[in-house]
């Protein structure tokens, strides 16, 4: 059985789901990194490279996919969380 593929919202490349990190808008409206991939809420996938998060911020791809407005300080928090996961 093949592993599910997902697309990075930053670089738009397809990769196996386990190689990407899920960014989730929780039902309460919070924005979190979901390293396990099991958190409830609307999700988008991003590569483990900081450049992909920067591309997603510049193109507002995360905002479109998650259907929310993301302030700059939330991107800083996501970037810090991404560094911890790596």
N, C-alpha and C. Protein backbone atom coordinates (compact mmCIF):
# COMPACT_ATOMS: atom_id res chain seq x y z
N UNK A 1 0.85 -1.18 0.00
CA UNK A 1 0.00 0.00 0.00
C UNK A 1 0.89 1.24 0.00
N UNK A 2 0.59 2.19 -0.84
CA UNK A 2 1.43 3.37 -0.94
C UNK A 2 1.04 4.41 0.12
N UNK A 3 2.01 5.22 0.48
CA UNK A 3 1.81 6.26 1.48
C UNK A 3 1.06 7.44 0.84
N UNK A 4 0.13 8.07 1.59
CA UNK A 4 -0.59 9.21 1.03
C UNK A 4 0.34 10.38 0.73
N UNK A 5 0.07 11.06 -0.38
CA UNK A 5 0.86 12.22 -0.79
C UNK A 5 0.08 13.49 -0.45
N UNK A 6 0.82 14.53 -0.09
CA UNK A 6 0.24 15.84 0.20
C UNK A 6 1.08 16.90 -0.49
N UNK A 7 0.49 18.09 -0.70
CA UNK A 7 1.22 19.17 -1.36
C UNK A 7 1.58 20.24 -0.34
N UNK A 8 2.82 20.70 -0.40
CA UNK A 8 3.29 21.80 0.44
C UNK A 8 2.67 23.09 -0.09
N UNK A 9 2.07 23.90 0.80
CA UNK A 9 1.46 25.15 0.35
C UNK A 9 2.50 26.22 0.03
N UNK A 10 3.75 26.00 0.45
CA UNK A 10 4.81 26.96 0.16
C UNK A 10 5.43 26.76 -1.21
N UNK A 11 6.02 25.59 -1.41
CA UNK A 11 6.72 25.31 -2.68
C UNK A 11 5.82 24.58 -3.69
N UNK A 12 4.66 24.10 -3.23
CA UNK A 12 3.67 23.40 -4.05
C UNK A 12 4.19 22.08 -4.62
N UNK A 13 5.19 21.49 -3.96
CA UNK A 13 5.68 20.17 -4.37
C UNK A 13 4.95 19.09 -3.59
N UNK A 14 4.73 17.96 -4.22
CA UNK A 14 4.09 16.84 -3.57
C UNK A 14 5.15 15.99 -2.86
N UNK A 15 4.78 15.51 -1.67
CA UNK A 15 5.68 14.68 -0.89
C UNK A 15 4.83 13.74 -0.04
N UNK A 16 5.43 12.64 0.43
CA UNK A 16 4.69 11.77 1.34
C UNK A 16 4.25 12.53 2.59
N UNK A 17 3.07 12.23 3.05
CA UNK A 17 2.46 12.93 4.18
C UNK A 17 3.38 13.00 5.40
N UNK A 18 4.11 11.93 5.67
CA UNK A 18 4.97 11.87 6.86
C UNK A 18 6.19 12.78 6.76
N UNK A 19 6.54 13.24 5.57
CA UNK A 19 7.69 14.14 5.40
C UNK A 19 7.31 15.60 5.58
N UNK A 20 6.01 15.88 5.65
CA UNK A 20 5.52 17.26 5.78
C UNK A 20 5.00 17.51 7.19
N UNK A 21 4.82 18.77 7.51
CA UNK A 21 4.26 19.16 8.81
C UNK A 21 2.90 19.80 8.56
N UNK A 22 1.95 19.43 9.38
CA UNK A 22 0.59 19.95 9.22
C UNK A 22 0.41 21.20 10.08
N UNK A 23 -0.12 22.24 9.46
CA UNK A 23 -0.48 23.47 10.16
C UNK A 23 -2.00 23.43 10.29
N UNK A 24 -2.51 23.62 11.52
CA UNK A 24 -3.93 23.43 11.78
C UNK A 24 -4.57 24.69 12.33
N UNK A 25 -5.75 25.01 11.81
CA UNK A 25 -6.63 26.00 12.43
C UNK A 25 -7.62 25.20 13.26
N UNK A 26 -7.47 25.30 14.59
CA UNK A 26 -8.32 24.52 15.49
C UNK A 26 -9.75 25.04 15.45
N UNK A 27 -10.70 24.26 15.95
CA UNK A 27 -12.09 24.73 16.01
C UNK A 27 -12.24 26.03 16.82
N UNK A 28 -11.30 26.29 17.74
CA UNK A 28 -11.33 27.53 18.53
C UNK A 28 -10.72 28.70 17.77
N UNK A 29 -10.13 28.45 16.60
CA UNK A 29 -9.54 29.51 15.79
C UNK A 29 -8.06 29.71 16.01
N UNK A 30 -7.41 28.86 16.82
CA UNK A 30 -5.97 28.95 17.06
C UNK A 30 -5.21 28.34 15.89
N UNK A 31 -3.98 28.76 15.72
CA UNK A 31 -3.11 28.26 14.66
C UNK A 31 -1.97 27.49 15.32
N UNK A 32 -1.83 26.20 15.01
CA UNK A 32 -0.80 25.37 15.64
C UNK A 32 -0.11 24.50 14.60
N UNK A 33 1.11 24.04 14.95
CA UNK A 33 1.79 23.01 14.16
C UNK A 33 1.39 21.68 14.75
N UNK A 34 1.00 20.77 13.91
CA UNK A 34 0.56 19.45 14.34
C UNK A 34 1.59 18.43 13.87
N UNK A 35 2.56 18.15 14.71
CA UNK A 35 3.65 17.23 14.32
C UNK A 35 3.14 15.80 14.14
N UNK A 36 2.11 15.40 14.91
CA UNK A 36 1.58 14.04 14.81
C UNK A 36 0.61 13.88 13.64
N UNK A 37 0.00 14.99 13.20
CA UNK A 37 -0.94 14.92 12.09
C UNK A 37 -2.32 14.45 12.50
N UNK A 38 -2.67 14.54 13.78
CA UNK A 38 -3.94 14.02 14.25
C UNK A 38 -4.85 15.08 14.90
N UNK A 39 -4.39 16.32 15.00
CA UNK A 39 -5.20 17.36 15.65
C UNK A 39 -6.45 17.65 14.84
N UNK A 40 -7.54 17.94 15.55
CA UNK A 40 -8.78 18.25 14.83
C UNK A 40 -8.76 19.69 14.36
N UNK A 41 -9.37 19.92 13.23
CA UNK A 41 -9.41 21.25 12.65
C UNK A 41 -9.01 21.22 11.19
N UNK A 42 -9.07 22.37 10.56
CA UNK A 42 -8.71 22.50 9.14
C UNK A 42 -7.20 22.53 9.02
N UNK A 43 -6.64 21.75 8.12
CA UNK A 43 -5.19 21.64 8.02
C UNK A 43 -4.63 21.94 6.65
N UNK A 44 -3.36 22.29 6.66
CA UNK A 44 -2.58 22.49 5.44
C UNK A 44 -1.19 21.92 5.72
N UNK A 45 -0.52 21.49 4.68
CA UNK A 45 0.79 20.88 4.85
C UNK A 45 1.89 21.78 4.35
N UNK A 46 3.03 21.70 5.02
CA UNK A 46 4.19 22.52 4.65
C UNK A 46 5.45 21.68 4.82
N UNK A 47 6.44 21.91 3.94
CA UNK A 47 7.73 21.22 4.05
C UNK A 47 8.42 21.61 5.35
N UNK A 48 9.41 20.86 5.71
CA UNK A 48 10.16 21.13 6.94
C UNK A 48 11.23 22.21 6.73
N UNK A 49 11.19 22.89 5.59
CA UNK A 49 12.16 23.95 5.30
C UNK A 49 11.58 25.32 5.65
N UNK A 50 12.34 26.17 6.35
CA UNK A 50 11.84 27.51 6.69
C UNK A 50 11.48 28.34 5.45
N UNK A 51 12.16 28.09 4.32
CA UNK A 51 11.86 28.84 3.10
C UNK A 51 10.43 28.62 2.64
N UNK A 52 9.91 27.42 2.86
CA UNK A 52 8.54 27.11 2.43
C UNK A 52 7.52 27.89 3.26
N UNK A 53 7.79 28.06 4.55
CA UNK A 53 6.90 28.87 5.38
C UNK A 53 6.95 30.32 4.93
N UNK A 54 8.12 30.80 4.56
CA UNK A 54 8.26 32.18 4.07
C UNK A 54 7.50 32.37 2.76
N UNK A 55 7.60 31.38 1.86
CA UNK A 55 6.87 31.44 0.59
C UNK A 55 5.36 31.44 0.83
N UNK A 56 4.92 30.60 1.77
CA UNK A 56 3.49 30.52 2.09
C UNK A 56 3.00 31.84 2.68
N UNK A 57 3.85 32.50 3.47
CA UNK A 57 3.47 33.79 4.04
C UNK A 57 3.38 34.85 2.95
N UNK A 58 4.39 34.87 2.07
CA UNK A 58 4.43 35.88 1.01
C UNK A 58 3.24 35.75 0.06
N UNK A 59 2.90 34.52 -0.29
CA UNK A 59 1.80 34.29 -1.23
C UNK A 59 0.44 34.21 -0.55
N UNK A 60 0.43 34.26 0.78
CA UNK A 60 -0.78 34.16 1.60
C UNK A 60 -1.50 32.84 1.39
N UNK A 61 -0.75 31.81 1.02
CA UNK A 61 -1.33 30.50 0.74
C UNK A 61 -1.97 29.88 1.98
N UNK A 62 -1.30 29.99 3.13
CA UNK A 62 -1.87 29.43 4.36
C UNK A 62 -3.20 30.12 4.70
N UNK A 63 -3.25 31.41 4.51
CA UNK A 63 -4.48 32.15 4.81
C UNK A 63 -5.63 31.68 3.92
N UNK A 64 -5.34 31.44 2.65
CA UNK A 64 -6.38 30.97 1.73
C UNK A 64 -6.83 29.56 2.09
N UNK A 65 -5.88 28.67 2.33
CA UNK A 65 -6.22 27.28 2.60
C UNK A 65 -6.96 27.14 3.93
N UNK A 66 -6.51 27.85 4.95
CA UNK A 66 -7.12 27.74 6.28
C UNK A 66 -8.31 28.69 6.47
N UNK A 67 -8.51 29.57 5.50
CA UNK A 67 -9.64 30.49 5.51
C UNK A 67 -9.66 31.40 6.75
N UNK A 68 -8.48 31.94 7.09
CA UNK A 68 -8.36 32.89 8.19
C UNK A 68 -7.33 33.95 7.84
N UNK A 69 -7.36 35.04 8.59
CA UNK A 69 -6.33 36.06 8.46
C UNK A 69 -5.25 35.77 9.49
N UNK A 70 -3.99 35.71 9.04
CA UNK A 70 -2.89 35.35 9.93
C UNK A 70 -2.00 36.57 10.14
N UNK A 71 -1.90 37.05 11.40
CA UNK A 71 -1.04 38.21 11.68
C UNK A 71 0.45 37.83 11.60
N UNK A 72 1.32 38.81 11.36
CA UNK A 72 2.76 38.52 11.24
C UNK A 72 3.34 37.83 12.46
N UNK A 73 2.86 38.16 13.67
CA UNK A 73 3.41 37.52 14.87
C UNK A 73 3.07 36.03 14.92
N UNK A 74 1.97 35.62 14.28
CA UNK A 74 1.63 34.20 14.23
C UNK A 74 2.61 33.45 13.34
N UNK A 75 3.06 34.10 12.26
CA UNK A 75 4.08 33.47 11.40
C UNK A 75 5.40 33.32 12.16
N UNK A 76 5.73 34.29 13.00
CA UNK A 76 6.95 34.21 13.80
C UNK A 76 6.84 33.03 14.76
N UNK A 77 5.69 32.88 15.40
CA UNK A 77 5.47 31.76 16.31
C UNK A 77 5.53 30.42 15.56
N UNK A 78 4.95 30.36 14.36
CA UNK A 78 5.02 29.14 13.55
C UNK A 78 6.45 28.81 13.17
N UNK A 79 7.21 29.84 12.82
CA UNK A 79 8.61 29.65 12.45
C UNK A 79 9.41 29.10 13.63
N UNK A 80 9.17 29.64 14.83
CA UNK A 80 9.85 29.16 16.02
C UNK A 80 9.46 27.71 16.32
N UNK A 81 8.18 27.39 16.16
CA UNK A 81 7.71 26.01 16.39
C UNK A 81 8.31 25.05 15.37
N UNK A 82 8.46 25.52 14.13
CA UNK A 82 9.05 24.71 13.08
C UNK A 82 10.51 24.38 13.42
N UNK A 83 11.24 25.34 13.96
CA UNK A 83 12.63 25.10 14.35
C UNK A 83 12.73 24.07 15.46
N UNK A 84 11.75 24.08 16.39
CA UNK A 84 11.74 23.12 17.49
C UNK A 84 11.48 21.70 16.98
N UNK A 85 10.60 21.58 15.98
CA UNK A 85 10.24 20.28 15.42
C UNK A 85 11.43 19.66 14.68
N UNK A 86 12.22 20.51 14.04
CA UNK A 86 13.37 20.02 13.29
C UNK A 86 14.41 19.58 14.25
